[in-house]
Amino acid sequence: MKLNHLIAPRNSGRIVQQFGAARLVKHRNGQHELIGGTTADRADAFEWVSLFAHEIVFSHFHRERQPMPSCRPRVKLFSREF
């Protein structure tokens, strides 16, 4: 059995609006998904939705291969000496 019939393809929706690199996609089942984009692009998308399409409820928040932010070194709170 092929998995193509069990798992829906990710890009099977219609692009409603695009904000920079972020795409607002409406799927066939009525769900909306915000795909990709920088933090600023995503903030613009959320603002647009809140102003002009407030009936949209996001079902998925998918970022396409965003690099992980650099983390600061961990600070030890307790010593292991007993």
N, C-alpha and C. Protein backbone atom coordinates (compact mmCIF):
# COMPACT_ATOMS: atom_id res chain seq x y z
N MET A 1 0.84 -1.17 0.00
CA MET A 1 0.00 0.00 0.00
C MET A 1 0.89 1.23 0.00
N LYS A 2 0.54 2.19 -0.80
CA LYS A 2 1.35 3.40 -0.89
C LYS A 2 0.86 4.44 0.11
N LEU A 3 1.82 5.15 0.70
CA LEU A 3 1.47 6.16 1.69
C LEU A 3 0.91 7.44 1.08
N ASN A 4 1.07 7.60 -0.22
CA ASN A 4 0.55 8.80 -0.88
C ASN A 4 -0.97 8.89 -0.74
N HIS A 5 -1.63 7.75 -0.64
CA HIS A 5 -3.08 7.74 -0.53
C HIS A 5 -3.54 7.96 0.91
N LEU A 6 -2.66 7.70 1.88
CA LEU A 6 -3.02 7.85 3.28
C LEU A 6 -2.69 9.23 3.84
N ILE A 7 -1.60 9.82 3.37
CA ILE A 7 -1.15 11.11 3.88
C ILE A 7 -1.38 12.16 2.80
N ALA A 8 -2.11 13.19 3.16
CA ALA A 8 -2.38 14.25 2.19
C ALA A 8 -1.11 15.04 1.91
N PRO A 9 -0.88 15.44 0.68
CA PRO A 9 0.31 16.25 0.38
C PRO A 9 0.23 17.60 1.08
N ARG A 10 1.38 18.13 1.47
CA ARG A 10 1.43 19.35 2.27
C ARG A 10 0.97 20.57 1.48
N ASN A 11 1.28 20.63 0.21
CA ASN A 11 0.96 21.82 -0.59
C ASN A 11 -0.29 21.61 -1.43
N SER A 12 -1.34 21.05 -0.84
CA SER A 12 -2.55 20.77 -1.59
C SER A 12 -3.60 21.85 -1.42
N GLY A 13 -3.20 23.02 -0.94
CA GLY A 13 -4.18 24.07 -0.69
C GLY A 13 -4.03 25.23 -1.65
N ARG A 14 -4.87 26.21 -1.45
CA ARG A 14 -4.88 27.42 -2.27
C ARG A 14 -4.27 28.56 -1.46
N ILE A 15 -3.36 29.31 -2.07
CA ILE A 15 -2.72 30.43 -1.38
C ILE A 15 -3.72 31.58 -1.32
N VAL A 16 -4.04 32.00 -0.09
CA VAL A 16 -4.98 33.09 0.13
C VAL A 16 -4.26 34.43 0.03
N GLN A 17 -3.13 34.53 0.72
CA GLN A 17 -2.36 35.78 0.77
C GLN A 17 -0.91 35.42 1.03
N GLN A 18 0.00 36.26 0.58
CA GLN A 18 1.42 36.04 0.81
C GLN A 18 2.00 37.28 1.46
N PHE A 19 2.78 37.07 2.50
CA PHE A 19 3.42 38.15 3.26
C PHE A 19 4.92 37.91 3.24
N GLY A 20 5.63 38.51 2.31
CA GLY A 20 7.06 38.25 2.17
C GLY A 20 7.25 36.79 1.78
N ALA A 21 7.93 36.03 2.63
CA ALA A 21 8.13 34.61 2.37
C ALA A 21 7.08 33.74 3.04
N ALA A 22 6.20 34.31 3.84
CA ALA A 22 5.14 33.56 4.53
C ALA A 22 3.92 33.46 3.62
N ARG A 23 3.37 32.24 3.53
CA ARG A 23 2.20 32.01 2.71
C ARG A 23 1.03 31.56 3.58
N LEU A 24 -0.11 32.21 3.42
CA LEU A 24 -1.33 31.80 4.10
C LEU A 24 -2.10 30.90 3.15
N VAL A 25 -2.25 29.63 3.51
CA VAL A 25 -2.82 28.62 2.63
C VAL A 25 -4.14 28.12 3.22
N LYS A 26 -5.15 28.00 2.36
CA LYS A 26 -6.42 27.40 2.76
C LYS A 26 -6.50 26.01 2.14
N HIS A 27 -6.68 24.99 2.98
CA HIS A 27 -6.76 23.61 2.52
C HIS A 27 -8.19 23.27 2.12
N ARG A 28 -8.34 22.15 1.47
CA ARG A 28 -9.65 21.72 0.98
C ARG A 28 -10.65 21.47 2.11
N ASN A 29 -10.16 21.11 3.28
CA ASN A 29 -11.06 20.83 4.40
C ASN A 29 -11.44 22.10 5.17
N GLY A 30 -11.01 23.27 4.70
CA GLY A 30 -11.38 24.53 5.32
C GLY A 30 -10.39 25.07 6.34
N GLN A 31 -9.37 24.30 6.65
CA GLN A 31 -8.36 24.76 7.61
C GLN A 31 -7.37 25.68 6.93
N HIS A 32 -6.82 26.61 7.71
CA HIS A 32 -5.81 27.55 7.22
C HIS A 32 -4.48 27.24 7.87
N GLU A 33 -3.41 27.47 7.12
CA GLU A 33 -2.07 27.19 7.61
C GLU A 33 -1.14 28.31 7.15
N LEU A 34 -0.27 28.75 8.04
CA LEU A 34 0.73 29.76 7.70
C LEU A 34 2.06 29.04 7.53
N ILE A 35 2.63 29.11 6.34
CA ILE A 35 3.82 28.33 6.00
C ILE A 35 4.98 29.28 5.72
N GLY A 36 6.11 29.01 6.40
CA GLY A 36 7.35 29.72 6.12
C GLY A 36 7.36 31.16 6.61
N GLY A 37 8.37 31.89 6.16
CA GLY A 37 8.48 33.30 6.48
C GLY A 37 9.32 33.59 7.70
N THR A 38 9.78 34.82 7.77
CA THR A 38 10.54 35.26 8.93
C THR A 38 9.57 35.66 10.03
N THR A 39 10.10 36.02 11.16
CA THR A 39 9.27 36.43 12.28
C THR A 39 8.47 37.69 11.93
N ALA A 40 9.09 38.62 11.21
CA ALA A 40 8.38 39.84 10.80
C ALA A 40 7.27 39.52 9.80
N ASP A 41 7.53 38.60 8.85
CA ASP A 41 6.51 38.21 7.88
C ASP A 41 5.32 37.57 8.59
N ARG A 42 5.60 36.73 9.57
CA ARG A 42 4.53 36.06 10.30
C ARG A 42 3.74 37.05 11.15
N ALA A 43 4.42 38.03 11.71
CA ALA A 43 3.71 39.06 12.49
C ALA A 43 2.79 39.87 11.58
N ASP A 44 3.25 40.18 10.36
CA ASP A 44 2.40 40.89 9.40
C ASP A 44 1.17 40.05 9.04
N ALA A 45 1.39 38.74 8.88
CA ALA A 45 0.28 37.85 8.54
C ALA A 45 -0.75 37.80 9.67
N PHE A 46 -0.29 37.69 10.91
CA PHE A 46 -1.22 37.64 12.04
C PHE A 46 -1.99 38.96 12.17
N GLU A 47 -1.32 40.07 11.90
CA GLU A 47 -1.99 41.37 11.97
C GLU A 47 -3.04 41.49 10.87
N TRP A 48 -2.70 41.06 9.65
CA TRP A 48 -3.64 41.12 8.54
C TRP A 48 -4.88 40.26 8.84
N VAL A 49 -4.63 39.06 9.37
CA VAL A 49 -5.75 38.17 9.70
C VAL A 49 -6.64 38.79 10.78
N SER A 50 -6.03 39.42 11.77
CA SER A 50 -6.84 40.01 12.84
C SER A 50 -7.67 41.19 12.35
N LEU A 51 -7.20 41.88 11.31
CA LEU A 51 -7.94 43.04 10.80
C LEU A 51 -8.96 42.68 9.72
N PHE A 52 -8.57 41.82 8.77
CA PHE A 52 -9.38 41.61 7.58
C PHE A 52 -10.02 40.23 7.48
N ALA A 53 -9.52 39.27 8.19
CA ALA A 53 -10.06 37.90 8.08
C ALA A 53 -10.12 37.27 9.47
N HIS A 54 -10.82 37.93 10.37
CA HIS A 54 -10.83 37.49 11.77
C HIS A 54 -11.52 36.15 11.97
N GLU A 55 -12.22 35.63 10.95
CA GLU A 55 -12.84 34.31 11.08
C GLU A 55 -11.85 33.17 10.88
N ILE A 56 -10.64 33.49 10.40
CA ILE A 56 -9.61 32.45 10.19
C ILE A 56 -9.03 32.03 11.52
N VAL A 57 -9.03 30.71 11.74
CA VAL A 57 -8.37 30.11 12.90
C VAL A 57 -7.28 29.21 12.34
N PHE A 58 -6.05 29.46 12.74
CA PHE A 58 -4.94 28.67 12.21
C PHE A 58 -4.93 27.28 12.84
N SER A 59 -4.76 26.28 11.99
CA SER A 59 -4.70 24.91 12.49
C SER A 59 -3.26 24.45 12.65
N HIS A 60 -2.34 24.99 11.86
CA HIS A 60 -0.94 24.58 11.92
C HIS A 60 -0.05 25.82 11.82
N PHE A 61 1.06 25.77 12.51
CA PHE A 61 2.08 26.80 12.41
C PHE A 61 3.34 26.11 11.95
N HIS A 62 3.64 26.19 10.68
CA HIS A 62 4.76 25.46 10.10
C HIS A 62 5.80 26.45 9.61
N ARG A 63 7.03 26.27 10.10
CA ARG A 63 8.14 27.09 9.62
C ARG A 63 9.04 26.21 8.78
N GLU A 64 9.43 26.73 7.65
CA GLU A 64 10.28 25.96 6.74
C GLU A 64 11.74 26.19 7.04
N ARG A 65 12.37 25.25 7.66
CA ARG A 65 13.81 25.22 7.90
C ARG A 65 14.39 26.52 8.41
N GLN A 66 13.83 27.02 9.48
CA GLN A 66 14.38 28.21 10.11
C GLN A 66 15.57 27.81 10.97
N PRO A 67 16.67 28.54 10.92
CA PRO A 67 17.80 28.19 11.79
C PRO A 67 17.41 28.43 13.25
N MET A 68 17.91 27.57 14.11
CA MET A 68 17.63 27.70 15.53
C MET A 68 18.37 28.92 16.07
N PRO A 69 17.73 29.69 16.93
CA PRO A 69 18.42 30.85 17.50
C PRO A 69 19.56 30.38 18.40
N SER A 70 20.59 31.17 18.45
CA SER A 70 21.72 30.78 19.29
C SER A 70 21.30 30.86 20.75
N CYS A 71 21.68 29.86 21.49
CA CYS A 71 21.30 29.78 22.89
C CYS A 71 22.48 30.23 23.76
N ARG A 72 22.14 30.81 24.86
CA ARG A 72 23.20 31.20 25.79
C ARG A 72 23.61 29.97 26.60
N PRO A 73 24.81 29.95 27.15
CA PRO A 73 25.23 28.78 27.91
C PRO A 73 24.38 28.60 29.16
N ARG A 74 24.23 27.35 29.54
CA ARG A 74 23.42 27.03 30.69
C ARG A 74 24.13 27.42 31.98
N VAL A 75 23.39 27.94 32.93
CA VAL A 75 23.94 28.35 34.22
C VAL A 75 23.58 27.28 35.24
N LYS A 76 24.56 26.78 35.95
CA LYS A 76 24.30 25.78 36.97
C LYS A 76 23.73 26.46 38.20
N LEU A 77 22.56 25.96 38.63
CA LEU A 77 21.92 26.53 39.80
C LEU A 77 22.33 25.81 41.08
N PHE A 78 22.57 24.52 40.97
CA PHE A 78 22.91 23.72 42.14
C PHE A 78 24.21 22.98 41.86
N SER A 79 25.00 22.81 42.88
CA SER A 79 26.22 22.02 42.71
C SER A 79 25.91 20.56 43.00
N ARG A 80 26.70 19.67 42.47
CA ARG A 80 26.50 18.24 42.67
C ARG A 80 27.15 17.73 43.93
N GLU A 81 27.74 18.57 44.70
CA GLU A 81 28.42 18.13 45.91
C GLU A 81 27.38 17.90 47.02
N PHE A 82 27.44 16.72 47.60
CA PHE A 82 26.51 16.38 48.67
C PHE A 82 27.23 16.20 49.97
